[in-house]
């Protein structure tokens, strides 16, 4: 042979051809319905049998006939009268509310009052818009076509 790379390529191609031929051969076998022989026959399905009738179950627990009356563990406490206070504070005197403060008279108006501000118009024009430069002007990047690869000195089948 020529080189070990060439022989490896040939062996690899032969393995691919062998795999394809085996796959086609197996596919042909599967297409014929007479080649299939079942290894066993499935068992027949059992017939349904109704369950046996059973007597009703006996109760496990029967409640007592009459519960006994509850017996208190302790006698009820004795209700004592409320204690009398030893010292009672004197009642707080009710004081009338303070009289409302008397407002001083308003100061006299100035001799020459300042003029009131001009009324703002209801439909005022919007403020003028400032023209901004394009945000991409400083970051523009243009792709250039990459050069083609140099021609190979080996034939096309070298890649196999």
C-alpha atoms as a PDB file:
ATOM      1  CA  UNK A   1       0.000   0.000   0.000  1.00  0.00           C
ATOM      2  CA  UNK A   2       0.962   3.632  -0.107  1.00  0.00           C
ATOM      3  CA  UNK A   3       0.723   5.235   3.304  1.00  0.00           C
ATOM      4  CA  UNK A   4      -0.913   4.274   6.607  1.00  0.00           C
ATOM      5  CA  UNK A   5      -3.384   7.167   6.226  1.00  0.00           C
ATOM      6  CA  UNK A   6      -4.566   5.829   2.887  1.00  0.00           C
ATOM      7  CA  UNK A   7      -4.985   2.291   4.225  1.00  0.00           C
ATOM      8  CA  UNK A   8      -6.904   3.626   7.250  1.00  0.00           C
ATOM      9  CA  UNK A   9      -9.223   5.533   4.902  1.00  0.00           C
ATOM     10  CA  UNK A  10      -9.853   2.436   2.803  1.00  0.00           C
ATOM     11  CA  UNK A  11     -10.606   0.288   5.864  1.00  0.00           C
ATOM     12  CA  UNK A  12     -12.965   2.971   7.155  1.00  0.00           C
ATOM     13  CA  UNK A  13     -14.824   3.091   3.819  1.00  0.00           C
ATOM     14  CA  UNK A  14     -15.117  -0.699   3.745  1.00  0.00           C
ATOM     15  CA  UNK A  15     -16.574  -0.700   7.270  1.00  0.00           C
ATOM     16  CA  UNK A  16     -19.182   1.874   6.225  1.00  0.00           C
ATOM     17  CA  UNK A  17     -20.141  -0.183   3.149  1.00  0.00           C
ATOM     18  CA  UNK A  18     -20.395  -3.347   5.245  1.00  0.00           C
ATOM     19  CA  UNK A  19     -22.661  -1.564   7.779  1.00  0.00           C
ATOM     20  CA  UNK A  20     -24.979  -0.300   5.044  1.00  0.00           C
ATOM     21  CA  UNK A  21     -25.200  -3.713   3.415  1.00  0.00           C
ATOM     22  CA  UNK A  22     -26.070  -5.365   6.744  1.00  0.00           C
ATOM     23  CA  UNK A  23     -28.768  -2.767   7.377  1.00  0.00           C
ATOM     24  CA  UNK A  24     -30.313  -3.342   3.950  1.00  0.00           C
ATOM     25  CA  UNK A  25     -30.149  -7.107   4.414  1.00  0.00           C
ATOM     26  CA  UNK A  26     -31.880  -6.895   7.801  1.00  0.00           C
ATOM     27  CA  UNK A  27     -34.532  -4.606   6.402  1.00  0.00           C
ATOM     28  CA  UNK A  28     -35.328  -7.113   3.674  1.00  0.00           C
ATOM     29  CA  UNK A  29     -35.780  -9.856   6.266  1.00  0.00           C
ATOM     30  CA  UNK A  30     -38.168  -7.738   8.292  1.00  0.00           C
ATOM     31  CA  UNK A  31     -40.341  -6.928   5.288  1.00  0.00           C
ATOM     32  CA  UNK A  32     -41.432 -10.556   4.712  1.00  0.00           C
ATOM     33  CA  UNK A  33     -44.203 -11.700   7.097  1.00  0.00           C
ATOM     34  CA  UNK A  34     -43.317 -15.410   6.778  1.00  0.00           C
ATOM     35  CA  UNK A  35     -39.924 -15.058   8.483  1.00  0.00           C
ATOM     36  CA  UNK A  36     -41.473 -14.186  11.865  1.00  0.00           C
ATOM     37  CA  UNK A  37     -42.017 -17.191  14.117  1.00  0.00           C
ATOM     38  CA  UNK A  38     -43.241 -16.383  17.635  1.00  0.00           C
ATOM     39  CA  UNK A  39     -41.099 -17.964  20.352  1.00  0.00           C
ATOM     40  CA  UNK A  40     -44.167 -18.784  22.496  1.00  0.00           C
ATOM     41  CA  UNK A  41     -47.885 -18.341  22.387  1.00  0.00           C
ATOM     42  CA  UNK A  42     -49.355 -16.060  25.038  1.00  0.00           C
ATOM     43  CA  UNK A  43     -51.480 -17.764  27.714  1.00  0.00           C
ATOM     44  CA  UNK A  44     -55.210 -17.516  27.391  1.00  0.00           C
ATOM     45  CA  UNK A  45     -56.879 -14.824  29.444  1.00  0.00           C
ATOM     46  CA  UNK A  46     -58.578 -16.104  32.624  1.00  0.00           C
ATOM     47  CA  UNK A  47     -62.356 -15.946  32.867  1.00  0.00           C
ATOM     48  CA  UNK A  48     -63.866 -13.616  35.412  1.00  0.00           C
ATOM     49  CA  UNK A  49     -65.327 -15.195  38.557  1.00  0.00           C
ATOM     50  CA  UNK A  50     -67.666 -13.292  40.815  1.00  0.00           C
ATOM     51  CA  UNK A  51     -66.473 -12.930  44.440  1.00  0.00           C
ATOM     52  CA  UNK A  52     -68.060 -15.148  47.093  1.00  0.00           C
ATOM     53  CA  UNK A  53     -70.816 -13.597  49.165  1.00  0.00           C
ATOM     54  CA  UNK A  54     -69.694 -13.042  52.732  1.00  0.00           C
ATOM     55  CA  UNK A  55     -71.803 -12.387  55.842  1.00  0.00           C
ATOM     56  CA  UNK A  56     -71.779  -8.787  57.113  1.00  0.00           C
ATOM     57  CA  UNK A  57     -68.863  -8.057  59.432  1.00  0.00           C
ATOM     58  CA  UNK A  58     -69.368  -8.059  63.158  1.00  0.00           C
ATOM     59  CA  UNK A  59     -68.901  -4.717  64.922  1.00  0.00           C
ATOM     60  CA  UNK A  60     -65.537  -4.354  66.589  1.00  0.00           C
ATOM     61  CA  UNK A  61     -66.620  -1.773  69.196  1.00  0.00           C
ATOM     62  CA  UNK A  62     -69.996  -1.253  70.782  1.00  0.00           C
ATOM     63  CA  UNK A  63     -70.589   2.101  72.574  1.00  0.00           C
ATOM     64  CA  UNK A  64     -71.634   2.087  76.274  1.00  0.00           C
ATOM     65  CA  UNK A  65     -75.304   2.104  77.037  1.00  0.00           C
ATOM     66  CA  UNK A  66     -75.459   5.383  79.035  1.00  0.00           C
ATOM     67  CA  UNK A  67     -72.474   7.472  79.995  1.00  0.00           C
ATOM     68  CA  UNK A  68     -72.193   8.267  83.718  1.00  0.00           C
ATOM     69  CA  UNK A  69     -72.857  11.864  84.792  1.00  0.00           C
ATOM     70  CA  UNK A  70     -69.754  14.016  85.025  1.00  0.00           C
ATOM     71  CA  UNK A  71     -68.338  14.489  88.478  1.00  0.00           C
ATOM     72  CA  UNK A  72     -66.513  17.770  89.177  1.00  0.00           C
ATOM     73  CA  UNK A  73     -62.967  17.344  90.362  1.00  0.00           C
ATOM     74  CA  UNK A  74     -63.108  20.465  92.578  1.00  0.00           C
ATOM     75  CA  UNK A  75     -66.050  22.251  94.219  1.00  0.00           C
ATOM     76  CA  UNK A  76     -66.940  25.631  92.639  1.00  0.00           C
ATOM     77  CA  UNK A  77     -65.015  28.579  94.115  1.00  0.00           C
ATOM     78  CA  UNK A  78     -66.657  30.844  96.662  1.00  0.00           C
ATOM     79  CA  UNK A  79     -67.644  34.231  95.233  1.00  0.00           C
ATOM     80  CA  UNK A  80     -66.115  36.948  97.443  1.00  0.00           C
ATOM     81  CA  UNK A  81     -67.467  40.525  97.413  1.00  0.00           C
ATOM     82  CA  UNK A  82     -65.217  43.065  95.691  1.00  0.00           C
ATOM     83  CA  UNK A  83     -62.686  44.670  98.045  1.00  0.00           C
ATOM     84  CA  UNK A  84     -63.315  48.169  99.269  1.00  0.00           C
ATOM     85  CA  UNK A  85     -60.713  50.740  98.227  1.00  0.00           C
ATOM     86  CA  UNK A  86     -58.491  52.030 100.996  1.00  0.00           C
ATOM     87  CA  UNK A  87     -57.883  55.420  99.400  1.00  0.00           C
ATOM     88  CA  UNK A  88     -59.967  57.084  96.738  1.00  0.00           C
ATOM     89  CA  UNK A  89     -58.531  60.140  94.978  1.00  0.00           C
ATOM     90  CA  UNK A  90     -60.619  63.301  94.948  1.00  0.00           C
ATOM     91  CA  UNK A  91     -62.655  63.864  91.802  1.00  0.00           C
ATOM     92  CA  UNK A  92     -60.999  65.977  89.164  1.00  0.00           C
ATOM     93  CA  UNK A  93     -62.577  69.419  88.826  1.00  0.00           C
ATOM     94  CA  UNK A  94     -64.218  70.225  85.524  1.00  0.00           C
ATOM     95  CA  UNK A  95     -62.639  73.342  84.049  1.00  0.00           C
ATOM     96  CA  UNK A  96     -64.276  75.344  81.284  1.00  0.00           C
ATOM     97  CA  UNK A  97     -62.436  75.396  77.952  1.00  0.00           C
ATOM     98  CA  UNK A  98     -60.113  78.341  77.383  1.00  0.00           C
ATOM     99  CA  UNK A  99     -61.597  81.244  75.427  1.00  0.00           C
ATOM    100  CA  UNK A 100     -60.673  81.395  71.734  1.00  0.00           C
ATOM    101  CA  UNK A 101     -57.722  83.684  70.998  1.00  0.00           C
ATOM    102  CA  UNK A 102     -58.493  87.050  69.620  1.00  0.00           C
ATOM    103  CA  UNK A 103     -56.904  87.502  66.192  1.00  0.00           C
ATOM    104  CA  UNK A 104     -55.155  90.820  65.670  1.00  0.00           C
ATOM    105  CA  UNK A 105     -56.437  92.866  62.740  1.00  0.00           C
ATOM    106  CA  UNK A 106     -54.711  92.181  59.395  1.00  0.00           C
ATOM    107  CA  UNK A 107     -51.867  94.515  58.463  1.00  0.00           C
ATOM    108  CA  UNK A 108     -52.747  97.376  56.137  1.00  0.00           C
ATOM    109  CA  UNK A 109     -52.110  96.711  52.440  1.00  0.00           C
ATOM    110  CA  UNK A 110     -48.942  98.265  50.983  1.00  0.00           C
ATOM    111  CA  UNK A 111     -49.227 101.497  49.137  1.00  0.00           C
ATOM    112  CA  UNK A 112     -47.970 100.148  45.770  1.00  0.00           C
ATOM    113  CA  UNK A 113     -48.577  96.412  45.611  1.00  0.00           C
ATOM    114  CA  UNK A 114     -46.483  94.461  43.069  1.00  0.00           C
ATOM    115  CA  UNK A 115     -48.362  93.510  39.924  1.00  0.00           C
ATOM    116  CA  UNK A 116     -49.629  89.938  39.819  1.00  0.00           C
ATOM    117  CA  UNK A 117     -47.697  87.484  37.615  1.00  0.00           C
ATOM    118  CA  UNK A 118     -49.057  87.066  34.079  1.00  0.00           C
ATOM    119  CA  UNK A 119     -51.426  84.146  33.690  1.00  0.00           C
ATOM    120  CA  UNK A 120     -49.997  81.026  32.106  1.00  0.00           C
ATOM    121  CA  UNK A 121     -51.733  80.087  28.858  1.00  0.00           C
ATOM    122  CA  UNK A 122     -53.608  76.800  28.923  1.00  0.00           C
ATOM    123  CA  UNK A 123     -52.280  75.530  25.587  1.00  0.00           C
ATOM    124  CA  UNK A 124     -48.643  76.544  25.817  1.00  0.00           C
ATOM    125  CA  UNK A 125     -46.372  75.460  22.938  1.00  0.00           C
ATOM    126  CA  UNK A 126     -43.913  72.684  23.779  1.00  0.00           C
ATOM    127  CA  UNK A 127     -40.296  73.673  24.393  1.00  0.00           C
ATOM    128  CA  UNK A 128     -38.057  73.531  21.324  1.00  0.00           C
ATOM    129  CA  UNK A 129     -36.350  70.189  20.741  1.00  0.00           C
ATOM    130  CA  UNK A 130     -32.574  70.025  20.709  1.00  0.00           C
ATOM    131  CA  UNK A 131     -31.105  68.017  17.850  1.00  0.00           C
ATOM    132  CA  UNK A 132     -28.800  65.321  19.194  1.00  0.00           C
ATOM    133  CA  UNK A 133     -26.174  63.611  17.045  1.00  0.00           C
ATOM    134  CA  UNK A 134     -26.782  59.979  16.084  1.00  0.00           C
ATOM    135  CA  UNK A 135     -25.611  57.633  18.861  1.00  0.00           C
ATOM    136  CA  UNK A 136     -24.091  55.276  16.301  1.00  0.00           C
ATOM    137  CA  UNK A 137     -21.946  57.894  14.638  1.00  0.00           C
ATOM    138  CA  UNK A 138     -19.006  57.299  16.976  1.00  0.00           C
ATOM    139  CA  UNK A 139     -19.371  53.514  17.217  1.00  0.00           C
ATOM    140  CA  UNK A 140     -19.977  52.543  13.595  1.00  0.00           C
ATOM    141  CA  UNK A 141     -18.162  49.346  12.582  1.00  0.00           C
ATOM    142  CA  UNK A 142     -18.228  47.929   9.106  1.00  0.00           C
ATOM    143  CA  UNK A 143     -17.408  44.300   8.342  1.00  0.00           C
ATOM    144  CA  UNK A 144     -15.039  43.608   5.506  1.00  0.00           C
ATOM    145  CA  UNK A 145     -15.045  40.474   3.390  1.00  0.00           C
ATOM    146  CA  UNK A 146     -12.437  38.030   4.604  1.00  0.00           C
ATOM    147  CA  UNK A 147      -9.927  36.847   2.023  1.00  0.00           C
ATOM    148  CA  UNK A 148     -10.437  33.399   0.507  1.00  0.00           C
ATOM    149  CA  UNK A 149      -8.167  30.616   1.769  1.00  0.00           C
ATOM    150  CA  UNK A 150      -5.100  29.786  -0.266  1.00  0.00           C
ATOM    151  CA  UNK A 151      -5.432  26.912  -2.734  1.00  0.00           C
ATOM    152  CA  UNK A 152      -4.461  23.504  -1.386  1.00  0.00           C
ATOM    153  CA  UNK A 153      -1.495  21.681  -2.847  1.00  0.00           C
ATOM    154  CA  UNK A 154      -3.062  18.245  -2.115  1.00  0.00           C
ATOM    155  CA  UNK A 155      -5.889  16.593  -4.109  1.00  0.00           C
ATOM    156  CA  UNK A 156      -9.492  16.504  -2.876  1.00  0.00           C
ATOM    157  CA  UNK A 157      -9.411  12.843  -1.829  1.00  0.00           C
ATOM    158  CA  UNK A 158      -6.689  13.640   0.695  1.00  0.00           C
ATOM    159  CA  UNK A 159      -9.434  14.675   3.118  1.00  0.00           C
ATOM    160  CA  UNK A 160     -10.884  11.134   3.083  1.00  0.00           C
END
